[in-house]
Amino acid sequence: MEDAIYAFLGGLILDLAILIEAGRGSKLKRPDFKDWYVWLWLIGYPLIGSILAGLYGMKHSISEMQAGYIGLSAPSIVKAIASGNLSELQKITG
Protein backbone atom coordinates (compact mmCIF):
# COMPACT_ATOMS: atom_id res chain seq x y z
CA MET A 1 0.00 0.00 0.00
CA GLU A 2 2.84 2.40 0.80
CA ASP A 3 4.26 1.74 -2.66
CA ALA A 4 1.08 3.08 -4.23
CA ILE A 5 1.18 6.24 -2.09
CA TYR A 6 4.77 7.03 -3.02
CA ALA A 7 4.03 6.36 -6.69
CA PHE A 8 1.02 8.69 -6.53
CA LEU A 9 3.23 11.39 -5.01
CA GLY A 10 5.81 10.83 -7.74
CA GLY A 11 3.10 11.32 -10.35
CA LEU A 12 1.95 14.52 -8.65
CA ILE A 13 5.52 15.84 -8.70
CA LEU A 14 5.61 15.25 -12.45
CA ASP A 15 2.25 17.02 -12.89
CA LEU A 16 3.49 19.96 -10.84
CA ALA A 17 6.65 20.22 -12.93
CA ILE A 18 4.60 20.18 -16.14
CA LEU A 19 2.25 22.85 -14.79
CA ILE A 20 5.16 25.07 -13.75
CA GLU A 21 6.65 24.82 -17.24
CA ALA A 22 3.26 25.55 -18.82
CA GLY A 23 2.85 28.60 -16.58
CA ARG A 24 6.07 30.08 -17.91
CA GLY A 25 4.73 30.13 -21.46
CA SER A 26 1.97 32.11 -23.05
CA LYS A 27 -1.57 31.99 -21.72
CA LEU A 28 -2.62 30.01 -24.79
CA LYS A 29 -0.41 27.09 -23.76
CA ARG A 30 -1.67 26.96 -20.17
CA PRO A 31 -4.14 24.20 -19.32
CA ASP A 32 -7.81 25.08 -19.07
CA PHE A 33 -8.89 23.78 -15.67
CA LYS A 34 -12.53 23.95 -16.72
CA ASP A 35 -11.88 21.08 -19.13
CA TRP A 36 -12.49 17.64 -17.61
CA TYR A 37 -9.63 16.18 -19.67
CA VAL A 38 -7.11 18.30 -17.74
CA TRP A 39 -8.37 16.89 -14.45
CA LEU A 40 -8.34 13.38 -15.88
CA TRP A 41 -4.71 13.92 -16.84
CA LEU A 42 -3.76 15.47 -13.48
CA ILE A 43 -5.34 12.68 -11.44
CA GLY A 44 -5.24 9.80 -13.93
CA TYR A 45 -1.50 9.42 -14.43
CA PRO A 46 -0.70 9.45 -10.69
CA LEU A 47 -3.46 6.86 -10.17
CA ILE A 48 -2.06 4.68 -12.95
CA GLY A 49 1.41 5.03 -11.41
CA SER A 50 0.11 3.97 -8.01
CA ILE A 51 -1.65 0.96 -9.54
CA LEU A 52 1.52 -0.05 -11.37
CA ALA A 53 3.64 0.35 -8.23
CA GLY A 54 1.10 -1.61 -6.21
CA LEU A 55 1.11 -4.44 -8.73
CA TYR A 56 4.90 -4.47 -8.96
CA GLY A 57 5.21 -4.27 -5.17
CA MET A 58 3.05 -7.36 -4.74
CA LYS A 59 5.82 -9.58 -6.11
CA HIS A 60 8.94 -7.50 -5.43
CA SER A 61 10.16 -5.52 -2.50
CA ILE A 62 10.68 -1.93 -3.66
CA SER A 63 11.87 1.19 -1.88
CA GLU A 64 9.97 4.43 -1.59
CA MET A 65 12.25 5.99 -4.20
CA GLN A 66 11.59 3.18 -6.67
CA ALA A 67 7.86 3.56 -6.15
CA GLY A 68 8.20 7.30 -6.81
CA TYR A 69 10.08 6.55 -10.03
CA ILE A 70 7.29 4.25 -11.13
CA GLY A 71 4.85 7.11 -10.54
CA LEU A 72 7.06 9.48 -12.52
CA SER A 73 7.40 7.06 -15.42
CA ALA A 74 3.70 6.11 -15.61
CA PRO A 75 2.99 8.35 -18.65
CA SER A 76 5.88 6.75 -20.57
CA ILE A 77 4.80 3.25 -19.59
CA VAL A 78 1.19 3.90 -20.64
CA LYS A 79 2.35 5.42 -23.94
CA ALA A 80 4.53 2.38 -24.69
CA ILE A 81 1.71 -0.04 -23.84
CA ALA A 82 -0.80 1.91 -25.95
CA SER A 83 1.52 2.03 -28.95
CA GLY A 84 2.14 -1.70 -28.76
CA ASN A 85 5.88 -1.09 -28.97
CA LEU A 86 7.23 -3.78 -26.66
CA SER A 87 10.88 -2.91 -27.28
CA GLU A 88 10.22 0.64 -26.00
CA LEU A 89 8.41 -0.77 -22.96
CA GLN A 90 11.40 -3.00 -22.19
CA LYS A 91 13.71 0.05 -22.33
CA ILE A 92 11.50 1.92 -19.85
CA THR A 93 10.95 -0.90 -17.39
CA GLY A 94 14.42 -2.39 -17.62
PDB file of N, CA and C in Angstrom:
ATOM      1  N   MET A   1       0.816  -1.201   0.000  1.00  0.00           N
ATOM      2  CA  MET A   1       0.000   0.000   0.000  1.00  0.00           C
ATOM      3  C   MET A   1       0.857   1.262   0.000  1.00  0.00           C
ATOM      4  N   GLU A   2       1.955   1.235   0.778  1.00  0.00           N
ATOM      5  CA  GLU A   2       2.843   2.398   0.796  1.00  0.00           C
ATOM      6  C   GLU A   2       3.437   2.661  -0.579  1.00  0.00           C
ATOM      7  N   ASP A   3       3.706   1.581  -1.315  1.00  0.00           N
ATOM      8  CA  ASP A   3       4.262   1.741  -2.665  1.00  0.00           C
ATOM      9  C   ASP A   3       3.342   2.601  -3.521  1.00  0.00           C
ATOM     10  N   ALA A   4       2.049   2.346  -3.423  1.00  0.00           N
ATOM     11  CA  ALA A   4       1.076   3.082  -4.225  1.00  0.00           C
ATOM     12  C   ALA A   4       1.046   4.558  -3.829  1.00  0.00           C
ATOM     13  N   ILE A   5       1.190   4.847  -2.551  1.00  0.00           N
ATOM     14  CA  ILE A   5       1.176   6.242  -2.092  1.00  0.00           C
ATOM     15  C   ILE A   5       2.392   6.992  -2.616  1.00  0.00           C
ATOM     16  N   TYR A   6       3.563   6.376  -2.519  1.00  0.00           N
ATOM     17  CA  TYR A   6       4.773   7.033  -3.017  1.00  0.00           C
ATOM     18  C   TYR A   6       4.734   7.203  -4.537  1.00  0.00           C
ATOM     19  N   ALA A   7       4.163   6.234  -5.234  1.00  0.00           N
ATOM     20  CA  ALA A   7       4.034   6.361  -6.688  1.00  0.00           C
ATOM     21  C   ALA A   7       3.072   7.484  -7.038  1.00  0.00           C
ATOM     22  N   PHE A   8       1.976   7.608  -6.295  1.00  0.00           N
ATOM     23  CA  PHE A   8       1.024   8.690  -6.534  1.00  0.00           C
ATOM     24  C   PHE A   8       1.706  10.046  -6.320  1.00  0.00           C
ATOM     25  N   LEU A   9       2.497  10.151  -5.259  1.00  0.00           N
ATOM     26  CA  LEU A   9       3.226  11.394  -5.005  1.00  0.00           C
ATOM     27  C   LEU A   9       4.235  11.680  -6.116  1.00  0.00           C
ATOM     28  N   GLY A  10       4.893  10.645  -6.621  1.00  0.00           N
ATOM     29  CA  GLY A  10       5.806  10.828  -7.743  1.00  0.00           C
ATOM     30  C   GLY A  10       5.091  11.353  -8.972  1.00  0.00           C
ATOM     31  N   GLY A  11       3.899  10.832  -9.227  1.00  0.00           N
ATOM     32  CA  GLY A  11       3.098  11.317 -10.351  1.00  0.00           C
ATOM     33  C   GLY A  11       2.667  12.760 -10.158  1.00  0.00           C
ATOM     34  N   LEU A  12       2.329  13.131  -8.920  1.00  0.00           N
ATOM     35  CA  LEU A  12       1.952  14.521  -8.646  1.00  0.00           C
ATOM     36  C   LEU A  12       3.131  15.473  -8.830  1.00  0.00           C
ATOM     37  N   ILE A  13       4.329  15.011  -8.482  1.00  0.00           N
ATOM     38  CA  ILE A  13       5.523  15.836  -8.701  1.00  0.00           C
ATOM     39  C   ILE A  13       5.708  16.099 -10.186  1.00  0.00           C
ATOM     40  N   LEU A  14       5.506  15.073 -10.998  1.00  0.00           N
ATOM     41  CA  LEU A  14       5.606  15.246 -12.450  1.00  0.00           C
ATOM     42  C   LEU A  14       4.558  16.233 -12.943  1.00  0.00           C
ATOM     43  N   ASP A  15       3.318  16.093 -12.479  1.00  0.00           N
ATOM     44  CA  ASP A  15       2.251  17.016 -12.887  1.00  0.00           C
ATOM     45  C   ASP A  15       2.595  18.453 -12.494  1.00  0.00           C
ATOM     46  N   LEU A  16       3.122  18.628 -11.297  1.00  0.00           N
ATOM     47  CA  LEU A  16       3.491  19.959 -10.839  1.00  0.00           C
ATOM     48  C   LEU A  16       4.594  20.553 -11.713  1.00  0.00           C
ATOM     49  N   ALA A  17       5.572  19.741 -12.064  1.00  0.00           N
ATOM     50  CA  ALA A  17       6.648  20.218 -12.931  1.00  0.00           C
ATOM     51  C   ALA A  17       6.114  20.632 -14.305  1.00  0.00           C
ATOM     52  N   ILE A  18       5.194  19.853 -14.842  1.00  0.00           N
ATOM     53  CA  ILE A  18       4.597  20.183 -16.144  1.00  0.00           C
ATOM     54  C   ILE A  18       3.799  21.476 -16.051  1.00  0.00           C
ATOM     55  N   LEU A  19       3.037  21.634 -14.960  1.00  0.00           N
ATOM     56  CA  LEU A  19       2.246  22.853 -14.789  1.00  0.00           C
ATOM     57  C   LEU A  19       3.129  24.085 -14.605  1.00  0.00           C
ATOM     58  N   ILE A  20       4.238  23.938 -13.911  1.00  0.00           N
ATOM     59  CA  ILE A  20       5.163  25.066 -13.747  1.00  0.00           C
ATOM     60  C   ILE A  20       5.732  25.482 -15.097  1.00  0.00           C
ATOM     61  N   GLU A  21       6.122  24.508 -15.907  1.00  0.00           N
ATOM     62  CA  GLU A  21       6.648  24.825 -17.240  1.00  0.00           C
ATOM     63  C   GLU A  21       5.577  25.466 -18.112  1.00  0.00           C
ATOM     64  N   ALA A  22       4.349  24.980 -18.031  1.00  0.00           N
ATOM     65  CA  ALA A  22       3.255  25.548 -18.822  1.00  0.00           C
ATOM     66  C   ALA A  22       2.959  26.971 -18.376  1.00  0.00           C
ATOM     67  N   GLY A  23       3.112  27.257 -17.094  1.00  0.00           N
ATOM     68  CA  GLY A  23       2.854  28.598 -16.575  1.00  0.00           C
ATOM     69  C   GLY A  23       3.867  29.623 -17.031  1.00  0.00           C
ATOM     70  N   ARG A  24       5.027  29.164 -17.431  1.00  0.00           N
ATOM     71  CA  ARG A  24       6.066  30.079 -17.908  1.00  0.00           C
ATOM     72  C   ARG A  24       5.822  30.533 -19.339  1.00  0.00           C
ATOM     73  N   GLY A  25       5.000  29.803 -20.053  1.00  0.00           N
ATOM     74  CA  GLY A  25       4.731  30.125 -21.455  1.00  0.00           C
ATOM     75  C   GLY A  25       3.586  31.109 -21.588  1.00  0.00           C
ATOM     76  N   SER A  26       3.084  31.200 -22.783  1.00  0.00           N
ATOM     77  CA  SER A  26       1.971  32.109 -23.045  1.00  0.00           C
ATOM     78  C   SER A  26       0.686  31.548 -22.443  1.00  0.00           C
ATOM     79  N   LYS A  27      -0.294  32.416 -22.301  1.00  0.00           N
ATOM     80  CA  LYS A  27      -1.568  31.990 -21.718  1.00  0.00           C
ATOM     81  C   LYS A  27      -2.282  30.970 -22.598  1.00  0.00           C
ATOM     82  N   LEU A  28      -1.987  30.971 -23.886  1.00  0.00           N
ATOM     83  CA  LEU A  28      -2.622  30.013 -24.791  1.00  0.00           C
ATOM     84  C   LEU A  28      -2.164  28.590 -24.525  1.00  0.00           C
ATOM     85  N   LYS A  29      -0.950  28.420 -24.001  1.00  0.00           N
ATOM     86  CA  LYS A  29      -0.414  27.085 -23.757  1.00  0.00           C
ATOM     87  C   LYS A  29      -0.749  26.559 -22.364  1.00  0.00           C
ATOM     88  N   ARG A  30      -1.327  27.388 -21.524  1.00  0.00           N
ATOM     89  CA  ARG A  30      -1.668  26.955 -20.174  1.00  0.00           C
ATOM     90  C   ARG A  30      -2.902  26.077 -20.212  1.00  0.00           C
ATOM     91  N   PRO A  31      -2.954  25.080 -19.318  1.00  0.00           N
ATOM     92  CA  PRO A  31      -4.136  24.201 -19.318  1.00  0.00           C
ATOM     93  C   PRO A  31      -5.391  24.928 -18.862  1.00  0.00           C
ATOM     94  N   ASP A  32      -6.504  24.529 -19.440  1.00  0.00           N
ATOM     95  CA  ASP A  32      -7.805  25.082 -19.066  1.00  0.00           C
ATOM     96  C   ASP A  32      -8.417  24.164 -18.006  1.00  0.00           C
ATOM     97  N   PHE A  33      -8.436  24.626 -16.763  1.00  0.00           N
ATOM     98  CA  PHE A  33      -8.888  23.784 -15.667  1.00  0.00           C
ATOM     99  C   PHE A  33     -10.400  23.564 -15.670  1.00  0.00           C
ATOM    100  N   LYS A  34     -11.104  24.204 -16.578  1.00  0.00           N
ATOM    101  CA  LYS A  34     -12.535  23.954 -16.718  1.00  0.00           C
ATOM    102  C   LYS A  34     -12.801  22.714 -17.569  1.00  0.00           C
ATOM    103  N   ASP A  35     -11.774  22.254 -18.265  1.00  0.00           N
ATOM    104  CA  ASP A  35     -11.878  21.082 -19.127  1.00  0.00           C
ATOM    105  C   ASP A  35     -11.675  19.819 -18.288  1.00  0.00           C
ATOM    106  N   TRP A  36     -12.578  18.862 -18.402  1.00  0.00           N
ATOM    107  CA  TRP A  36     -12.485  17.637 -17.615  1.00  0.00           C
ATOM    108  C   TRP A  36     -11.256  16.823 -17.980  1.00  0.00           C
ATOM    109  N   TYR A  37     -10.793  16.947 -19.232  1.00  0.00           N
ATOM    110  CA  TYR A  37      -9.627  16.183 -19.673  1.00  0.00           C
ATOM    111  C   TYR A  37      -8.386  16.572 -18.875  1.00  0.00           C
ATOM    112  N   VAL A  38      -8.260  17.847 -18.528  1.00  0.00           N
ATOM    113  CA  VAL A  38      -7.107  18.301 -17.741  1.00  0.00           C
ATOM    114  C   VAL A  38      -7.114  17.620 -16.373  1.00  0.00           C
ATOM    115  N   TRP A  39      -8.281  17.531 -15.752  1.00  0.00           N
ATOM    116  CA  TRP A  39      -8.374  16.890 -14.453  1.00  0.00           C
ATOM    117  C   TRP A  39      -8.143  15.386 -14.564  1.00  0.00           C
ATOM    118  N   LEU A  40      -8.605  14.797 -15.656  1.00  0.00           N
ATOM    119  CA  LEU A  40      -8.342  13.376 -15.883  1.00  0.00           C
ATOM    120  C   LEU A  40      -6.843  13.134 -15.984  1.00  0.00           C
ATOM    121  N   TRP A  41      -6.161  14.010 -16.680  1.00  0.00           N
ATOM    122  CA  TRP A  41      -4.712  13.915 -16.842  1.00  0.00           C
ATOM    123  C   TRP A  41      -4.004  14.136 -15.507  1.00  0.00           C
ATOM    124  N   LEU A  42      -4.421  15.146 -14.745  1.00  0.00           N
ATOM    125  CA  LEU A  42      -3.759  15.469 -13.483  1.00  0.00           C
ATOM    126  C   LEU A  42      -3.942  14.383 -12.423  1.00  0.00           C
ATOM    127  N   ILE A  43      -5.074  13.716 -12.430  1.00  0.00           N
ATOM    128  CA  ILE A  43      -5.342  12.677 -11.442  1.00  0.00           C
ATOM    129  C   ILE A  43      -5.076  11.287 -12.017  1.00  0.00           C
ATOM    130  N   GLY A  44      -5.326  11.116 -13.303  1.00  0.00           N
ATOM    131  CA  GLY A  44      -5.237   9.800 -13.930  1.00  0.00           C
ATOM    132  C   GLY A  44      -3.845   9.203 -13.940  1.00  0.00           C
ATOM    133  N   TYR A  45      -2.853   9.973 -14.363  1.00  0.00           N
ATOM    134  CA  TYR A  45      -1.499   9.418 -14.425  1.00  0.00           C
ATOM    135  C   TYR A  45      -0.950   9.068 -13.042  1.00  0.00           C
ATOM    136  N   PRO A  46      -1.136   9.897 -12.017  1.00  0.00           N
ATOM    137  CA  PRO A  46      -0.695   9.451 -10.690  1.00  0.00           C
ATOM    138  C   PRO A  46      -1.434   8.193 -10.207  1.00  0.00           C
ATOM    139  N   LEU A  47      -2.723   8.075 -10.547  1.00  0.00           N
ATOM    140  CA  LEU A  47      -3.456   6.864 -10.172  1.00  0.00           C
ATOM    141  C   LEU A  47      -2.910   5.636 -10.901  1.00  0.00           C
ATOM    142  N   ILE A  48      -2.630   5.797 -12.178  1.00  0.00           N
ATOM    143  CA  ILE A  48      -2.057   4.684 -12.945  1.00  0.00           C
ATOM    144  C   ILE A  48      -0.698   4.304 -12.368  1.00  0.00           C
ATOM    145  N   GLY A  49       0.109   5.305 -12.016  1.00  0.00           N
ATOM    146  CA  GLY A  49       1.412   5.028 -11.409  1.00  0.00           C
ATOM    147  C   GLY A  49       1.280   4.290 -10.091  1.00  0.00           C
ATOM    148  N   SER A  50       0.288   4.660  -9.294  1.00  0.00           N
ATOM    149  CA  SER A  50       0.113   3.974  -8.014  1.00  0.00           C
ATOM    150  C   SER A  50      -0.376   2.539  -8.219  1.00  0.00           C
ATOM    151  N   ILE A  51      -1.206   2.322  -9.228  1.00  0.00           N
ATOM    152  CA  ILE A  51      -1.648   0.961  -9.537  1.00  0.00           C
ATOM    153  C   ILE A  51      -0.462   0.116  -9.999  1.00  0.00           C
ATOM    154  N   LEU A  52       0.355   0.687 -10.886  1.00  0.00           N
ATOM    155  CA  LEU A  52       1.524  -0.048 -11.373  1.00  0.00           C
ATOM    156  C   LEU A  52       2.493  -0.375 -10.240  1.00  0.00           C
ATOM    157  N   ALA A  53       2.740   0.598  -9.359  1.00  0.00           N
ATOM    158  CA  ALA A  53       3.641   0.347  -8.232  1.00  0.00           C
ATOM    159  C   ALA A  53       3.047  -0.689  -7.278  1.00  0.00           C
ATOM    160  N   GLY A  54       1.742  -0.617  -7.071  1.00  0.00           N
ATOM    161  CA  GLY A  54       1.096  -1.608  -6.212  1.00  0.00           C
ATOM    162  C   GLY A  54       1.209  -3.009  -6.782  1.00  0.00           C
ATOM    163  N   LEU A  55       0.996  -3.124  -8.091  1.00  0.00           N
ATOM    164  CA  LEU A  55       1.109  -4.437  -8.735  1.00  0.00           C
ATOM    165  C   LEU A  55       2.546  -4.945  -8.698  1.00  0.00           C
ATOM    166  N   TYR A  56       3.495  -4.062  -8.976  1.00  0.00           N
ATOM    167  CA  TYR A  56       4.898  -4.474  -8.956  1.00  0.00           C
ATOM    168  C   TYR A  56       5.332  -4.810  -7.529  1.00  0.00           C
ATOM    169  N   GLY A  57       4.847  -4.040  -6.555  1.00  0.00           N
ATOM    170  CA  GLY A  57       5.214  -4.269  -5.172  1.00  0.00           C
ATOM    171  C   GLY A  57       4.619  -5.534  -4.580  1.00  0.00           C
ATOM    172  N   MET A  58       3.632  -6.113  -5.239  1.00  0.00           N
ATOM    173  CA  MET A  58       3.045  -7.357  -4.739  1.00  0.00           C
ATOM    174  C   MET A  58       4.027  -8.522  -4.864  1.00  0.00           C
ATOM    175  N   LYS A  59       4.872  -8.480  -5.882  1.00  0.00           N
ATOM    176  CA  LYS A  59       5.819  -9.576  -6.111  1.00  0.00           C
ATOM    177  C   LYS A  59       7.243  -9.217  -5.703  1.00  0.00           C
ATOM    178  N   HIS A  60       7.567  -7.936  -5.697  1.00  0.00           N
ATOM    179  CA  HIS A  60       8.936  -7.499  -5.432  1.00  0.00           C
ATOM    180  C   HIS A  60       8.936  -6.499  -4.282  1.00  0.00           C
ATOM    181  N   SER A  61      10.006  -6.516  -3.542  1.00  0.00           N
ATOM    182  CA  SER A  61      10.165  -5.515  -2.497  1.00  0.00           C
ATOM    183  C   SER A  61      10.819  -4.289  -3.124  1.00  0.00           C
ATOM    184  N   ILE A  62      10.138  -3.145  -3.068  1.00  0.00           N
ATOM    185  CA  ILE A  62      10.682  -1.933  -3.665  1.00  0.00           C
ATOM    186  C   ILE A  62      10.751  -0.832  -2.610  1.00  0.00           C
ATOM    187  N   SER A  63      11.705   0.071  -2.818  1.00  0.00           N
ATOM    188  CA  SER A  63      11.867   1.185  -1.882  1.00  0.00           C
ATOM    189  C   SER A  63      10.892   2.302  -2.228  1.00  0.00           C
ATOM    190  N   GLU A  64      10.832   3.271  -1.351  1.00  0.00           N
ATOM    191  CA  GLU A  64       9.970   4.431  -1.587  1.00  0.00           C
ATOM    192  C   GLU A  64      10.405   5.181  -2.843  1.00  0.00           C
ATOM    193  N   MET A  65      11.723   5.285  -3.031  1.00  0.00           N
ATOM    194  CA  MET A  65      12.255   5.992  -4.198  1.00  0.00           C
ATOM    195  C   MET A  65      11.881   5.259  -5.488  1.00  0.00           C
ATOM    196  N   GLN A  66      11.976   3.949  -5.481  1.00  0.00           N
ATOM    197  CA  GLN A  66      11.594   3.180  -6.668  1.00  0.00           C
ATOM    198  C   GLN A  66      10.108   3.343  -6.972  1.00  0.00           C
ATOM    199  N   ALA A  67       9.295   3.360  -5.945  1.00  0.00           N
ATOM    200  CA  ALA A  67       7.857   3.559  -6.148  1.00  0.00           C
ATOM    201  C   ALA A  67       7.602   4.942  -6.733  1.00  0.00           C
ATOM    202  N   GLY A  68       8.322   5.953  -6.251  1.00  0.00           N
ATOM    203  CA  GLY A  68       8.197   7.301  -6.813  1.00  0.00           C
ATOM    204  C   GLY A  68       8.598   7.346  -8.274  1.00  0.00           C
ATOM    205  N   TYR A  69       9.661   6.608  -8.623  1.00  0.00           N
ATOM    206  CA  TYR A  69      10.080   6.554 -10.026  1.00  0.00           C
ATOM    207  C   TYR A  69       9.027   5.893 -10.905  1.00  0.00           C
ATOM    208  N   ILE A  70       8.375   4.886 -10.366  1.00  0.00           N
ATOM    209  CA  ILE A  70       7.294   4.254 -11.127  1.00  0.00           C
ATOM    210  C   ILE A  70       6.183   5.269 -11.383  1.00  0.00           C
ATOM    211  N   GLY A  71       5.858   6.061 -10.367  1.00  0.00           N
ATOM    212  CA  GLY A  71       4.851   7.109 -10.540  1.00  0.00           C
ATOM    213  C   GLY A  71       5.271   8.152 -11.555  1.00  0.00           C
ATOM    214  N   LEU A  72       6.557   8.505 -11.541  1.00  0.00           N
ATOM    215  CA  LEU A  72       7.059   9.477 -12.515  1.00  0.00           C
ATOM    216  C   LEU A  72       7.030   8.928 -13.935  1.00  0.00           C
ATOM    217  N   SER A  73       7.298   7.641 -14.076  1.00  0.00           N
ATOM    218  CA  SER A  73       7.397   7.062 -15.420  1.00  0.00           C
ATOM    219  C   SER A  73       6.066   6.521 -15.941  1.00  0.00           C
ATOM    220  N   ALA A  74       4.998   6.647 -15.185  1.00  0.00           N
ATOM    221  CA  ALA A  74       3.701   6.111 -15.613  1.00  0.00           C
ATOM    222  C   ALA A  74       3.261   6.613 -16.993  1.00  0.00           C
ATOM    223  N   PRO A  75       3.400   7.918 -17.306  1.00  0.00           N
ATOM    224  CA  PRO A  75       2.993   8.346 -18.653  1.00  0.00           C
ATOM    225  C   PRO A  75       3.769   7.642 -19.765  1.00  0.00           C
ATOM    226  N   SER A  76       5.073   7.438 -19.561  1.00  0.00           N
ATOM    227  CA  SER A  76       5.878   6.746 -20.574  1.00  0.00           C
ATOM    228  C   SER A  76       5.482   5.281 -20.695  1.00  0.00           C
ATOM    229  N   ILE A  77       5.198   4.655 -19.570  1.00  0.00           N
ATOM    230  CA  ILE A  77       4.797   3.252 -19.589  1.00  0.00           C
ATOM    231  C   ILE A  77       3.459   3.096 -20.307  1.00  0.00           C
ATOM    232  N   VAL A  78       2.508   3.965 -19.998  1.00  0.00           N
ATOM    233  CA  VAL A  78       1.191   3.902 -20.643  1.00  0.00           C
ATOM    234  C   VAL A  78       1.319   4.159 -22.141  1.00  0.00           C
ATOM    235  N   LYS A  79       2.148   5.113 -22.517  1.00  0.00           N
ATOM    236  CA  LYS A  79       2.350   5.419 -23.940  1.00  0.00           C
ATOM    237  C   LYS A  79       2.942   4.217 -24.668  1.00  0.00           C
ATOM    238  N   ALA A  80       3.912   3.543 -24.060  1.00  0.00           N
ATOM    239  CA  ALA A  80       4.525   2.378 -24.692  1.00  0.00           C
ATOM    240  C   ALA A  80       3.535   1.229 -24.812  1.00  0.00           C
ATOM    241  N   ILE A  81       2.714   1.026 -23.781  1.00  0.00           N
ATOM    242  CA  ILE A  81       1.714  -0.037 -23.842  1.00  0.00           C
ATOM    243  C   ILE A  81       0.671   0.275 -24.916  1.00  0.00           C
ATOM    244  N   ALA A  82       0.230   1.533 -24.974  1.00  0.00           N
ATOM    245  CA  ALA A  82      -0.798   1.915 -25.946  1.00  0.00           C
ATOM    246  C   ALA A  82      -0.295   1.816 -27.377  1.00  0.00           C
ATOM    247  N   SER A  83       0.987   2.093 -27.595  1.00  0.00           N
ATOM    248  CA  SER A  83       1.525   2.031 -28.951  1.00  0.00           C
ATOM    249  C   SER A  83       1.802   0.598 -29.381  1.00  0.00           C
ATOM    250  N   GLY A  84       1.854  -0.314 -28.423  1.00  0.00           N
ATOM    251  CA  GLY A  84       2.138  -1.702 -28.759  1.00  0.00           C
ATOM    252  C   GLY A  84       3.602  -1.958 -29.042  1.00  0.00           C
ATOM    253  N   ASN A  85       4.451  -0.979 -28.727  1.00  0.00           N
ATOM    254  CA  ASN A  85       5.878  -1.088 -28.973  1.00  0.00           C
ATOM    255  C   ASN A  85       6.542  -1.746 -27.768  1.00  0.00           C
ATOM    256  N   LEU A  86       6.693  -3.056 -27.812  1.00  0.00           N
ATOM    257  CA  LEU A  86       7.230  -3.785 -26.665  1.00  0.00           C
ATOM    258  C   LEU A  86       8.705  -3.487 -26.422  1.00  0.00           C
ATOM    259  N   SER A  87       9.459  -3.198 -27.471  1.00  0.00           N
ATOM    260  CA  SER A  87      10.878  -2.909 -27.276  1.00  0.00           C
ATOM    261  C   SER A  87      11.041  -1.593 -26.489  1.00  0.00           C
ATOM    262  N   GLU A  88      10.172  -0.615 -26.751  1.00  0.00           N
ATOM    263  CA  GLU A  88      10.218   0.637 -25.995  1.00  0.00           C
ATOM    264  C   GLU A  88       9.825   0.398 -24.545  1.00  0.00           C
ATOM    265  N   LEU A  89       8.843  -0.450 -24.321  1.00  0.00           N
ATOM    266  CA  LEU A  89       8.415  -0.767 -22.964  1.00  0.00           C
ATOM    267  C   LEU A  89       9.539  -1.459 -22.196  1.00  0.00           C
ATOM    268  N   GLN A  90      10.285  -2.326 -22.854  1.00  0.00           N
ATOM    269  CA  GLN A  90      11.401  -2.996 -22.185  1.00  0.00           C
ATOM    270  C   GLN A  90      12.511  -2.007 -21.833  1.00  0.00           C
ATOM    271  N   LYS A  91      12.722  -0.972 -22.659  1.00  0.00           N
ATOM    272  CA  LYS A  91      13.709   0.054 -22.328  1.00  0.00           C
ATOM    273  C   LYS A  91      13.296   0.828 -21.080  1.00  0.00           C
ATOM    274  N   ILE A  92      12.008   1.126 -20.973  1.00  0.00           N
ATOM    275  CA  ILE A  92      11.503   1.922 -19.850  1.00  0.00           C
ATOM    276  C   ILE A  92      11.549   1.124 -18.557  1.00  0.00           C
ATOM    277  N   THR A  93      11.078  -0.107 -18.612  1.00  0.00           N
ATOM    278  CA  THR A  93      10.947  -0.903 -17.392  1.00  0.00           C
ATOM    279  C   THR A  93      12.214  -1.645 -17.028  1.00  0.00           C
ATOM    280  N   GLY A  94      13.159  -1.723 -17.942  1.00  0.00           N
ATOM    281  CA  GLY A  94      14.420  -2.392 -17.622  1.00  0.00           C
ATOM    282  C   GLY A  94      14.305  -3.814 -17.832  1.00  0.00           C
TER     283      GLY A  94
END
